[in-house]
Amino acid sequence: MLNNAILFLLKTLLDLLTIAFLLRFYFQLTKVSFQTQAAQLIVSLTNFAVKPTRRIVPSIGRLDLSTLLLAYSTQVVLSLLSFWLKGFPFLIVGSQIWLVMLGIAALSIASMSLTIFLYAVLIQAILSWVNPYTPIAPVLSNLTNPILNWLRKYIPTAGNVDLTPLVFIIAAQLLHITILIPLENDLLAMI
């Protein structure tokens, strides 16, 4: 019972930390202004780990590899602690478990990235109807424009209604259900 509570707290905290690292990575990649409150919050939450890691892992152009590595490392630690708290016999299974944990961590990063963009598109679409001038609107716009502008090349508007957010939300859910979840289940079946 106590293990479940500890696992819940660890998963919640480490998933939130991973999301913060991923947001910082995607903010830099999509050129979100770091002068906004949302970006400054993310920077202040992640500076404790990003600053020392940047000394070791350099950026390549706009790709801030240190924050991506930190997000991935956080998920690896979460996988390790989850298996350990569930009483997994590490010494008996052998080395295959480490590959499974690394794969699960990579799939978690892909799933969280997809979820970040899915919710950003959804919130942006809702705000465009309710209050398009809210302070978070430019952040969401910069974050989602690369994806939505690419989709707009192929999907025309229908009576002045932009359908690209709807198409992206459906495609993201489909990708999650048909690819990411089955891959994770296949990895877990290898144990």
N, C-alpha and C. Protein backbone atom coordinates (compact mmCIF):
# COMPACT_ATOMS: atom_id res chain seq x y z
N MET A 1 0.82 -1.19 0.00
CA MET A 1 0.00 0.00 0.00
C MET A 1 0.87 1.26 0.00
N LEU A 2 1.89 1.25 0.85
CA LEU A 2 2.79 2.39 0.92
C LEU A 2 3.59 2.53 -0.38
N ASN A 3 3.96 1.38 -0.97
CA ASN A 3 4.68 1.42 -2.24
C ASN A 3 3.86 2.09 -3.34
N ASN A 4 2.55 1.85 -3.34
CA ASN A 4 1.68 2.48 -4.34
C ASN A 4 1.63 3.99 -4.16
N ALA A 5 1.57 4.44 -2.92
CA ALA A 5 1.55 5.88 -2.66
C ALA A 5 2.87 6.52 -3.07
N ILE A 6 3.97 5.86 -2.73
CA ILE A 6 5.29 6.38 -3.11
C ILE A 6 5.44 6.39 -4.63
N LEU A 7 4.99 5.33 -5.28
CA LEU A 7 5.05 5.25 -6.74
C LEU A 7 4.22 6.36 -7.38
N PHE A 8 3.03 6.61 -6.83
CA PHE A 8 2.18 7.69 -7.35
C PHE A 8 2.89 9.04 -7.23
N LEU A 9 3.46 9.31 -6.05
CA LEU A 9 4.15 10.59 -5.86
C LEU A 9 5.37 10.73 -6.77
N LEU A 10 6.15 9.67 -6.88
CA LEU A 10 7.33 9.70 -7.75
C LEU A 10 6.93 9.92 -9.21
N LYS A 11 5.91 9.19 -9.65
CA LYS A 11 5.47 9.31 -11.04
C LYS A 11 4.97 10.73 -11.30
N THR A 12 4.19 11.26 -10.39
CA THR A 12 3.66 12.61 -10.58
C THR A 12 4.78 13.64 -10.64
N LEU A 13 5.69 13.60 -9.68
CA LEU A 13 6.77 14.60 -9.63
C LEU A 13 7.73 14.47 -10.81
N LEU A 14 8.12 13.24 -11.14
CA LEU A 14 9.08 13.06 -12.22
C LEU A 14 8.44 13.31 -13.60
N ASP A 15 7.15 13.00 -13.75
CA ASP A 15 6.47 13.33 -15.00
C ASP A 15 6.34 14.84 -15.17
N LEU A 16 6.02 15.56 -14.09
CA LEU A 16 5.95 17.02 -14.17
C LEU A 16 7.31 17.62 -14.50
N LEU A 17 8.36 17.08 -13.91
CA LEU A 17 9.71 17.56 -14.21
C LEU A 17 10.06 17.28 -15.67
N THR A 18 9.70 16.11 -16.17
CA THR A 18 9.94 15.77 -17.56
C THR A 18 9.20 16.73 -18.48
N ILE A 19 7.95 17.03 -18.16
CA ILE A 19 7.17 17.97 -18.97
C ILE A 19 7.83 19.35 -18.97
N ALA A 20 8.33 19.77 -17.83
CA ALA A 20 9.02 21.07 -17.76
C ALA A 20 10.26 21.07 -18.65
N PHE A 21 11.05 19.99 -18.60
CA PHE A 21 12.23 19.91 -19.47
C PHE A 21 11.82 19.91 -20.95
N LEU A 22 10.78 19.16 -21.29
CA LEU A 22 10.33 19.10 -22.68
C LEU A 22 9.78 20.45 -23.15
N LEU A 23 9.05 21.13 -22.28
CA LEU A 23 8.55 22.46 -22.66
C LEU A 23 9.71 23.40 -22.93
N ARG A 24 10.72 23.36 -22.08
CA ARG A 24 11.89 24.22 -22.31
C ARG A 24 12.56 23.87 -23.64
N PHE A 25 12.68 22.59 -23.94
CA PHE A 25 13.26 22.14 -25.21
C PHE A 25 12.44 22.65 -26.39
N TYR A 26 11.12 22.47 -26.33
CA TYR A 26 10.26 22.88 -27.45
C TYR A 26 10.11 24.39 -27.53
N PHE A 27 10.16 25.08 -26.40
CA PHE A 27 10.14 26.55 -26.45
C PHE A 27 11.34 27.07 -27.22
N GLN A 28 12.49 26.52 -26.94
CA GLN A 28 13.69 26.97 -27.64
C GLN A 28 13.64 26.56 -29.11
N LEU A 29 13.17 25.36 -29.39
CA LEU A 29 13.12 24.86 -30.76
C LEU A 29 12.16 25.68 -31.62
N THR A 30 11.04 26.09 -31.06
CA THR A 30 10.03 26.83 -31.83
C THR A 30 10.13 28.34 -31.65
N LYS A 31 11.19 28.79 -31.00
CA LYS A 31 11.47 30.21 -30.82
C LYS A 31 10.38 30.95 -30.04
N VAL A 32 9.90 30.33 -28.99
CA VAL A 32 8.97 31.00 -28.09
C VAL A 32 9.76 32.05 -27.33
N SER A 33 9.19 33.23 -27.17
CA SER A 33 9.87 34.29 -26.44
C SER A 33 10.03 33.90 -24.98
N PHE A 34 11.25 34.00 -24.49
CA PHE A 34 11.50 33.67 -23.09
C PHE A 34 11.23 34.86 -22.18
N GLN A 35 10.61 35.90 -22.71
CA GLN A 35 10.22 37.05 -21.90
C GLN A 35 8.81 36.88 -21.34
N THR A 36 8.08 35.85 -21.77
CA THR A 36 6.73 35.62 -21.26
C THR A 36 6.80 34.95 -19.89
N GLN A 37 5.71 35.09 -19.14
CA GLN A 37 5.67 34.51 -17.80
C GLN A 37 5.75 32.99 -17.84
N ALA A 38 5.07 32.40 -18.81
CA ALA A 38 5.08 30.93 -18.91
C ALA A 38 6.50 30.42 -19.17
N ALA A 39 7.21 31.06 -20.08
CA ALA A 39 8.57 30.63 -20.40
C ALA A 39 9.51 30.87 -19.22
N GLN A 40 9.34 31.99 -18.53
CA GLN A 40 10.19 32.28 -17.38
C GLN A 40 9.94 31.30 -16.24
N LEU A 41 8.68 30.86 -16.10
CA LEU A 41 8.37 29.84 -15.09
C LEU A 41 9.09 28.53 -15.42
N ILE A 42 9.04 28.13 -16.68
CA ILE A 42 9.70 26.89 -17.10
C ILE A 42 11.21 27.00 -16.89
N VAL A 43 11.78 28.13 -17.26
CA VAL A 43 13.23 28.33 -17.09
C VAL A 43 13.61 28.27 -15.61
N SER A 44 12.84 28.93 -14.77
CA SER A 44 13.19 28.94 -13.35
C SER A 44 13.03 27.56 -12.72
N LEU A 45 12.08 26.76 -13.20
CA LEU A 45 11.89 25.41 -12.66
C LEU A 45 12.97 24.44 -13.11
N THR A 46 13.58 24.70 -14.26
CA THR A 46 14.53 23.74 -14.81
C THR A 46 15.99 24.17 -14.76
N ASN A 47 16.25 25.40 -14.39
CA ASN A 47 17.63 25.90 -14.37
C ASN A 47 18.55 25.09 -13.46
N PHE A 48 18.02 24.54 -12.37
CA PHE A 48 18.86 23.81 -11.42
C PHE A 48 19.59 22.65 -12.09
N ALA A 49 18.97 22.06 -13.11
CA ALA A 49 19.60 20.93 -13.79
C ALA A 49 20.16 21.29 -15.16
N VAL A 50 19.52 22.23 -15.83
CA VAL A 50 19.94 22.56 -17.20
C VAL A 50 21.28 23.26 -17.22
N LYS A 51 21.50 24.20 -16.32
CA LYS A 51 22.77 24.95 -16.33
C LYS A 51 23.99 24.04 -16.18
N PRO A 52 24.02 23.13 -15.20
CA PRO A 52 25.20 22.25 -15.11
C PRO A 52 25.31 21.28 -16.29
N THR A 53 24.18 20.83 -16.80
CA THR A 53 24.20 19.87 -17.91
C THR A 53 24.69 20.52 -19.20
N ARG A 54 24.40 21.79 -19.39
CA ARG A 54 24.85 22.49 -20.60
C ARG A 54 26.37 22.60 -20.67
N ARG A 55 27.04 22.53 -19.54
CA ARG A 55 28.50 22.56 -19.56
C ARG A 55 29.06 21.28 -20.17
N ILE A 56 28.30 20.19 -20.05
CA ILE A 56 28.75 18.89 -20.54
C ILE A 56 28.17 18.58 -21.93
N VAL A 57 26.87 18.86 -22.10
CA VAL A 57 26.17 18.54 -23.34
C VAL A 57 25.83 19.86 -24.05
N PRO A 58 26.52 20.16 -25.15
CA PRO A 58 26.27 21.43 -25.83
C PRO A 58 25.01 21.36 -26.70
N SER A 59 24.53 22.54 -27.04
CA SER A 59 23.41 22.63 -27.98
C SER A 59 23.94 22.55 -29.40
N ILE A 60 23.10 22.07 -30.29
CA ILE A 60 23.41 22.06 -31.72
C ILE A 60 22.38 22.96 -32.39
N GLY A 61 22.78 24.19 -32.66
CA GLY A 61 21.83 25.15 -33.22
C GLY A 61 20.72 25.43 -32.21
N ARG A 62 19.48 25.24 -32.65
CA ARG A 62 18.35 25.44 -31.75
C ARG A 62 18.01 24.19 -30.96
N LEU A 63 18.69 23.10 -31.24
CA LEU A 63 18.44 21.85 -30.50
C LEU A 63 19.19 21.88 -29.17
N ASP A 64 18.45 22.10 -28.12
CA ASP A 64 19.04 22.13 -26.78
C ASP A 64 19.08 20.70 -26.27
N LEU A 65 20.15 20.00 -26.59
CA LEU A 65 20.27 18.59 -26.26
C LEU A 65 20.32 18.33 -24.76
N SER A 66 20.79 19.30 -24.00
CA SER A 66 20.88 19.10 -22.55
C SER A 66 19.49 18.93 -21.94
N THR A 67 18.52 19.75 -22.34
CA THR A 67 17.18 19.61 -21.77
C THR A 67 16.50 18.33 -22.25
N LEU A 68 16.75 17.94 -23.49
CA LEU A 68 16.19 16.69 -23.99
C LEU A 68 16.80 15.50 -23.25
N LEU A 69 18.09 15.55 -23.01
CA LEU A 69 18.76 14.49 -22.25
C LEU A 69 18.24 14.43 -20.81
N LEU A 70 18.01 15.58 -20.22
CA LEU A 70 17.47 15.61 -18.86
C LEU A 70 16.06 15.03 -18.80
N ALA A 71 15.25 15.34 -19.79
CA ALA A 71 13.90 14.77 -19.84
C ALA A 71 13.97 13.25 -19.96
N TYR A 72 14.83 12.78 -20.85
CA TYR A 72 14.98 11.34 -21.04
C TYR A 72 15.53 10.67 -19.78
N SER A 73 16.53 11.28 -19.17
CA SER A 73 17.12 10.72 -17.95
C SER A 73 16.09 10.64 -16.82
N THR A 74 15.24 11.64 -16.73
CA THR A 74 14.20 11.64 -15.71
C THR A 74 13.26 10.47 -15.92
N GLN A 75 12.92 10.18 -17.17
CA GLN A 75 12.05 9.05 -17.45
C GLN A 75 12.74 7.71 -17.21
N VAL A 76 14.04 7.64 -17.46
CA VAL A 76 14.79 6.42 -17.16
C VAL A 76 14.79 6.17 -15.66
N VAL A 77 15.03 7.21 -14.87
CA VAL A 77 15.01 7.08 -13.41
C VAL A 77 13.62 6.65 -12.95
N LEU A 78 12.58 7.23 -13.54
CA LEU A 78 11.21 6.86 -13.17
C LEU A 78 10.94 5.39 -13.49
N SER A 79 11.39 4.92 -14.64
CA SER A 79 11.21 3.51 -15.00
C SER A 79 11.93 2.60 -14.01
N LEU A 80 13.16 2.95 -13.69
CA LEU A 80 13.95 2.16 -12.74
C LEU A 80 13.28 2.10 -11.38
N LEU A 81 12.86 3.25 -10.87
CA LEU A 81 12.22 3.29 -9.56
C LEU A 81 10.87 2.58 -9.57
N SER A 82 10.14 2.68 -10.67
CA SER A 82 8.84 1.99 -10.76
C SER A 82 9.02 0.48 -10.68
N PHE A 83 9.96 -0.04 -11.47
CA PHE A 83 10.21 -1.48 -11.43
C PHE A 83 10.70 -1.91 -10.05
N TRP A 84 11.58 -1.12 -9.46
CA TRP A 84 12.14 -1.46 -8.16
C TRP A 84 11.07 -1.47 -7.07
N LEU A 85 10.18 -0.44 -7.07
CA LEU A 85 9.13 -0.38 -6.06
C LEU A 85 8.09 -1.49 -6.23
N LYS A 86 7.96 -2.00 -7.44
CA LYS A 86 7.03 -3.11 -7.68
C LYS A 86 7.67 -4.45 -7.34
N GLY A 87 8.91 -4.43 -6.88
CA GLY A 87 9.59 -5.65 -6.47
C GLY A 87 10.12 -6.48 -7.63
N PHE A 88 10.51 -5.81 -8.69
CA PHE A 88 10.99 -6.53 -9.86
C PHE A 88 12.35 -7.16 -9.57
N PRO A 89 12.55 -8.44 -9.93
CA PRO A 89 13.82 -9.11 -9.63
C PRO A 89 14.91 -8.78 -10.66
N PHE A 90 15.59 -7.67 -10.48
CA PHE A 90 16.61 -7.21 -11.42
C PHE A 90 17.75 -8.22 -11.59
N LEU A 91 18.15 -8.86 -10.50
CA LEU A 91 19.30 -9.76 -10.56
C LEU A 91 18.99 -11.05 -11.32
N ILE A 92 17.74 -11.45 -11.37
CA ILE A 92 17.36 -12.70 -12.04
C ILE A 92 17.16 -12.50 -13.54
N VAL A 93 16.58 -11.39 -13.92
CA VAL A 93 16.16 -11.17 -15.31
C VAL A 93 17.34 -11.02 -16.26
N GLY A 94 18.35 -10.31 -15.87
CA GLY A 94 19.50 -10.13 -16.75
C GLY A 94 19.50 -8.75 -17.39
N SER A 95 20.27 -8.65 -18.46
CA SER A 95 20.50 -7.34 -19.07
C SER A 95 19.37 -6.86 -19.98
N GLN A 96 18.46 -7.73 -20.34
CA GLN A 96 17.38 -7.33 -21.25
C GLN A 96 16.47 -6.28 -20.63
N ILE A 97 16.34 -6.28 -19.32
CA ILE A 97 15.48 -5.32 -18.64
C ILE A 97 15.96 -3.89 -18.85
N TRP A 98 17.28 -3.70 -18.98
CA TRP A 98 17.81 -2.34 -19.16
C TRP A 98 17.42 -1.79 -20.52
N LEU A 99 17.44 -2.62 -21.54
CA LEU A 99 17.00 -2.18 -22.87
C LEU A 99 15.51 -1.86 -22.86
N VAL A 100 14.74 -2.66 -22.14
CA VAL A 100 13.30 -2.41 -22.05
C VAL A 100 13.05 -1.08 -21.34
N MET A 101 13.77 -0.83 -20.24
CA MET A 101 13.58 0.43 -19.52
C MET A 101 13.98 1.64 -20.37
N LEU A 102 15.06 1.52 -21.12
CA LEU A 102 15.47 2.62 -22.00
C LEU A 102 14.43 2.85 -23.10
N GLY A 103 13.87 1.76 -23.62
CA GLY A 103 12.83 1.89 -24.63
C GLY A 103 11.55 2.50 -24.08
N ILE A 104 11.16 2.08 -22.88
CA ILE A 104 9.97 2.65 -22.25
C ILE A 104 10.16 4.14 -21.98
N ALA A 105 11.35 4.52 -21.56
CA ALA A 105 11.63 5.94 -21.32
C ALA A 105 11.54 6.74 -22.62
N ALA A 106 12.06 6.19 -23.71
CA ALA A 106 11.97 6.88 -25.01
C ALA A 106 10.52 7.01 -25.47
N LEU A 107 9.74 5.95 -25.28
CA LEU A 107 8.32 6.02 -25.65
C LEU A 107 7.57 7.01 -24.76
N SER A 108 7.95 7.10 -23.50
CA SER A 108 7.33 8.08 -22.60
C SER A 108 7.62 9.50 -23.07
N ILE A 109 8.84 9.75 -23.52
CA ILE A 109 9.20 11.08 -24.04
C ILE A 109 8.37 11.39 -25.29
N ALA A 110 8.24 10.41 -26.19
CA ALA A 110 7.44 10.62 -27.40
C ALA A 110 5.98 10.86 -27.04
N SER A 111 5.45 10.10 -26.10
CA SER A 111 4.06 10.26 -25.69
C SER A 111 3.82 11.61 -25.02
N MET A 112 4.73 12.02 -24.15
CA MET A 112 4.59 13.32 -23.48
C MET A 112 4.72 14.46 -24.48
N SER A 113 5.62 14.33 -25.44
CA SER A 113 5.76 15.37 -26.46
C SER A 113 4.48 15.50 -27.26
N LEU A 114 3.93 14.38 -27.65
CA LEU A 114 2.67 14.39 -28.40
C LEU A 114 1.56 15.01 -27.57
N THR A 115 1.52 14.68 -26.29
CA THR A 115 0.50 15.23 -25.40
C THR A 115 0.66 16.73 -25.22
N ILE A 116 1.90 17.20 -25.10
CA ILE A 116 2.15 18.64 -24.97
C ILE A 116 1.57 19.38 -26.17
N PHE A 117 1.89 18.90 -27.36
CA PHE A 117 1.39 19.57 -28.56
C PHE A 117 -0.12 19.42 -28.72
N LEU A 118 -0.65 18.27 -28.34
CA LEU A 118 -2.09 18.05 -28.43
C LEU A 118 -2.84 19.06 -27.56
N TYR A 119 -2.41 19.20 -26.31
CA TYR A 119 -3.08 20.15 -25.42
C TYR A 119 -2.81 21.59 -25.82
N ALA A 120 -1.64 21.87 -26.33
CA ALA A 120 -1.36 23.24 -26.79
C ALA A 120 -2.28 23.62 -27.94
N VAL A 121 -2.47 22.70 -28.88
CA VAL A 121 -3.37 22.97 -30.01
C VAL A 121 -4.81 23.11 -29.52
N LEU A 122 -5.22 22.23 -28.62
CA LEU A 122 -6.58 22.27 -28.10
C LEU A 122 -6.85 23.57 -27.34
N ILE A 123 -5.94 23.94 -26.45
CA ILE A 123 -6.12 25.17 -25.68
C ILE A 123 -6.08 26.39 -26.59
N GLN A 124 -5.18 26.36 -27.58
CA GLN A 124 -5.12 27.48 -28.53
C GLN A 124 -6.42 27.62 -29.31
N ALA A 125 -6.99 26.50 -29.73
CA ALA A 125 -8.25 26.55 -30.48
C ALA A 125 -9.38 27.10 -29.62
N ILE A 126 -9.44 26.66 -28.38
CA ILE A 126 -10.50 27.16 -27.48
C ILE A 126 -10.30 28.64 -27.20
N LEU A 127 -9.06 29.04 -26.93
CA LEU A 127 -8.80 30.46 -26.65
C LEU A 127 -9.07 31.35 -27.86
N SER A 128 -8.91 30.82 -29.05
CA SER A 128 -9.18 31.63 -30.24
C SER A 128 -10.65 32.00 -30.33
N TRP A 129 -11.52 31.20 -29.74
CA TRP A 129 -12.95 31.52 -29.72
C TRP A 129 -13.31 32.39 -28.53
N VAL A 130 -12.68 32.13 -27.38
CA VAL A 130 -13.07 32.77 -26.14
C VAL A 130 -12.33 34.08 -25.90
N ASN A 131 -10.99 34.01 -25.88
CA ASN A 131 -10.17 35.19 -25.60
C ASN A 131 -8.84 35.07 -26.33
N PRO A 132 -8.79 35.49 -27.59
CA PRO A 132 -7.56 35.32 -28.37
C PRO A 132 -6.41 36.23 -27.92
N TYR A 133 -6.66 37.18 -27.03
CA TYR A 133 -5.63 38.12 -26.62
C TYR A 133 -5.09 37.83 -25.22
N THR A 134 -5.29 36.63 -24.75
CA THR A 134 -4.77 36.26 -23.44
C THR A 134 -3.24 36.19 -23.50
N PRO A 135 -2.55 36.41 -22.38
CA PRO A 135 -1.08 36.43 -22.40
C PRO A 135 -0.43 35.11 -22.85
N ILE A 136 -1.12 33.99 -22.71
CA ILE A 136 -0.54 32.71 -23.10
C ILE A 136 -0.69 32.46 -24.60
N ALA A 137 -1.52 33.24 -25.29
CA ALA A 137 -1.79 33.02 -26.71
C ALA A 137 -0.53 33.07 -27.58
N PRO A 138 0.37 34.06 -27.40
CA PRO A 138 1.58 34.05 -28.23
C PRO A 138 2.48 32.83 -28.00
N VAL A 139 2.53 32.36 -26.77
CA VAL A 139 3.33 31.17 -26.47
C VAL A 139 2.76 29.97 -27.20
N LEU A 140 1.45 29.79 -27.09
CA LEU A 140 0.80 28.66 -27.76
C LEU A 140 0.92 28.78 -29.27
N SER A 141 0.78 29.99 -29.76
CA SER A 141 0.89 30.21 -31.21
C SER A 141 2.29 29.84 -31.72
N ASN A 142 3.32 30.33 -31.04
CA ASN A 142 4.69 29.99 -31.46
C ASN A 142 4.98 28.51 -31.35
N LEU A 143 4.42 27.88 -30.33
CA LEU A 143 4.66 26.46 -30.11
C LEU A 143 3.98 25.60 -31.17
N THR A 144 2.77 25.97 -31.57
CA THR A 144 1.99 25.11 -32.47
C THR A 144 2.07 25.51 -33.94
N ASN A 145 2.50 26.71 -34.24
CA ASN A 145 2.52 27.16 -35.63
C ASN A 145 3.34 26.29 -36.58
N PRO A 146 4.51 25.78 -36.18
CA PRO A 146 5.23 24.93 -37.14
C PRO A 146 4.42 23.72 -37.60
N ILE A 147 3.70 23.11 -36.70
CA ILE A 147 2.89 21.94 -37.07
C ILE A 147 1.65 22.36 -37.84
N LEU A 148 0.94 23.34 -37.31
CA LEU A 148 -0.32 23.74 -37.95
C LEU A 148 -0.08 24.39 -39.31
N ASN A 149 0.98 25.16 -39.46
CA ASN A 149 1.26 25.77 -40.77
C ASN A 149 1.59 24.70 -41.81
N TRP A 150 2.28 23.66 -41.40
CA TRP A 150 2.56 22.56 -42.32
C TRP A 150 1.26 21.88 -42.75
N LEU A 151 0.34 21.66 -41.79
CA LEU A 151 -0.94 21.04 -42.12
C LEU A 151 -1.81 21.95 -43.00
N ARG A 152 -1.70 23.25 -42.80
CA ARG A 152 -2.51 24.19 -43.58
C ARG A 152 -2.16 24.16 -45.07
N LYS A 153 -0.96 23.69 -45.39
CA LYS A 153 -0.59 23.55 -46.81
C LYS A 153 -1.46 22.52 -47.51
N TYR A 154 -1.93 21.52 -46.75
CA TYR A 154 -2.65 20.40 -47.34
C TYR A 154 -4.14 20.40 -47.03
N ILE A 155 -4.56 21.13 -46.01
CA ILE A 155 -5.96 21.13 -45.60
C ILE A 155 -6.52 22.54 -45.77
N PRO A 156 -7.43 22.71 -46.71
CA PRO A 156 -8.01 24.04 -46.93
C PRO A 156 -9.02 24.38 -45.83
N THR A 157 -9.28 25.67 -45.67
CA THR A 157 -10.30 26.08 -44.71
C THR A 157 -11.68 25.73 -45.26
N ALA A 158 -12.60 25.51 -44.38
CA ALA A 158 -13.98 25.18 -44.78
C ALA A 158 -14.87 26.32 -44.31
N GLY A 159 -15.22 27.21 -45.23
CA GLY A 159 -16.07 28.35 -44.86
C GLY A 159 -15.44 29.24 -43.81
N ASN A 160 -14.19 29.60 -44.00
CA ASN A 160 -13.41 30.43 -43.07
C ASN A 160 -13.17 29.78 -41.71
N VAL A 161 -13.30 28.47 -41.63
CA VAL A 161 -13.02 27.74 -40.40
C VAL A 161 -11.76 26.90 -40.63
N ASP A 162 -10.77 27.11 -39.78
CA ASP A 162 -9.52 26.37 -39.89
C ASP A 162 -9.70 25.00 -39.25
N LEU A 163 -9.60 23.96 -40.04
CA LEU A 163 -9.81 22.60 -39.56
C LEU A 163 -8.52 21.92 -39.12
N THR A 164 -7.38 22.59 -39.30
CA THR A 164 -6.11 21.94 -38.97
C THR A 164 -5.97 21.55 -37.50
N PRO A 165 -6.46 22.35 -36.54
CA PRO A 165 -6.37 21.88 -35.15
C PRO A 165 -7.14 20.57 -34.94
N LEU A 166 -8.31 20.45 -35.52
CA LEU A 166 -9.09 19.23 -35.39
C LEU A 166 -8.37 18.05 -36.03
N VAL A 167 -7.81 18.26 -37.21
CA VAL A 167 -7.07 17.19 -37.89
C VAL A 167 -5.85 16.78 -37.06
N PHE A 168 -5.14 17.75 -36.50
CA PHE A 168 -3.97 17.42 -35.68
C PHE A 168 -4.37 16.64 -34.43
N ILE A 169 -5.44 17.05 -33.76
CA ILE A 169 -5.88 16.36 -32.55
C ILE A 169 -6.26 14.92 -32.86
N ILE A 170 -6.98 14.71 -33.95
CA ILE A 170 -7.36 13.35 -34.34
C ILE A 170 -6.12 12.53 -34.70
N ALA A 171 -5.21 13.12 -35.47
CA ALA A 171 -3.99 12.40 -35.88
C ALA A 171 -3.11 12.07 -34.67
N ALA A 172 -3.01 12.99 -33.72
CA ALA A 172 -2.19 12.75 -32.52
C ALA A 172 -2.77 11.61 -31.69
N GLN A 173 -4.08 11.61 -31.52
CA GLN A 173 -4.73 10.53 -30.78
C GLN A 173 -4.55 9.19 -31.50
N LEU A 174 -4.69 9.22 -32.81
CA LEU A 174 -4.53 8.01 -33.61
C LEU A 174 -3.10 7.47 -33.50
N LEU A 175 -2.12 8.35 -33.58
CA LEU A 175 -0.72 7.97 -33.44
C LEU A 175 -0.46 7.36 -32.06
N HIS A 176 -1.04 7.97 -31.06
CA HIS A 176 -0.85 7.47 -29.69
C HIS A 176 -1.46 6.08 -29.53
N ILE A 177 -2.65 5.90 -30.03
CA ILE A 177 -3.37 4.63 -29.85
C ILE A 177 -2.79 3.52 -30.73
N THR A 178 -2.42 3.84 -31.95
CA THR A 178 -2.01 2.78 -32.89
C THR A 178 -0.52 2.47 -32.87
N ILE A 179 0.31 3.41 -32.41
CA ILE A 179 1.75 3.17 -32.46
C ILE A 179 2.39 3.15 -31.08
N LEU A 180 2.20 4.21 -30.31
CA LEU A 180 2.94 4.33 -29.04
C LEU A 180 2.49 3.31 -28.00
N ILE A 181 1.20 3.14 -27.81
CA ILE A 181 0.72 2.19 -26.81
C ILE A 181 1.08 0.76 -27.19
N PRO A 182 0.87 0.32 -28.45
CA PRO A 182 1.30 -1.05 -28.79
C PRO A 182 2.80 -1.28 -28.65
N LEU A 183 3.62 -0.27 -28.98
CA LEU A 183 5.07 -0.42 -28.80
C LEU A 183 5.43 -0.60 -27.33
N GLU A 184 4.79 0.17 -26.48
CA GLU A 184 5.06 0.03 -25.05
C GLU A 184 4.62 -1.34 -24.54
N ASN A 185 3.46 -1.79 -24.99
CA ASN A 185 2.99 -3.13 -24.59
C ASN A 185 3.94 -4.22 -25.09
N ASP A 186 4.48 -4.07 -26.31
CA ASP A 186 5.43 -5.04 -26.83
C ASP A 186 6.71 -5.06 -25.99
N LEU A 187 7.16 -3.87 -25.58
CA LEU A 187 8.36 -3.81 -24.73
C LEU A 187 8.12 -4.47 -23.39
N LEU A 188 6.98 -4.21 -22.80
CA LEU A 188 6.68 -4.80 -21.50
C LEU A 188 6.50 -6.32 -21.60
N ALA A 189 6.07 -6.80 -22.75
CA ALA A 189 5.90 -8.24 -22.94
C ALA A 189 7.25 -8.95 -23.05
N MET A 190 8.32 -8.21 -23.33
CA MET A 190 9.65 -8.81 -23.47
C MET A 190 10.25 -9.20 -22.12
N ILE A 191 9.67 -8.68 -21.04
CA ILE A 191 10.24 -8.93 -19.71
C ILE A 191 9.87 -10.33 -19.25
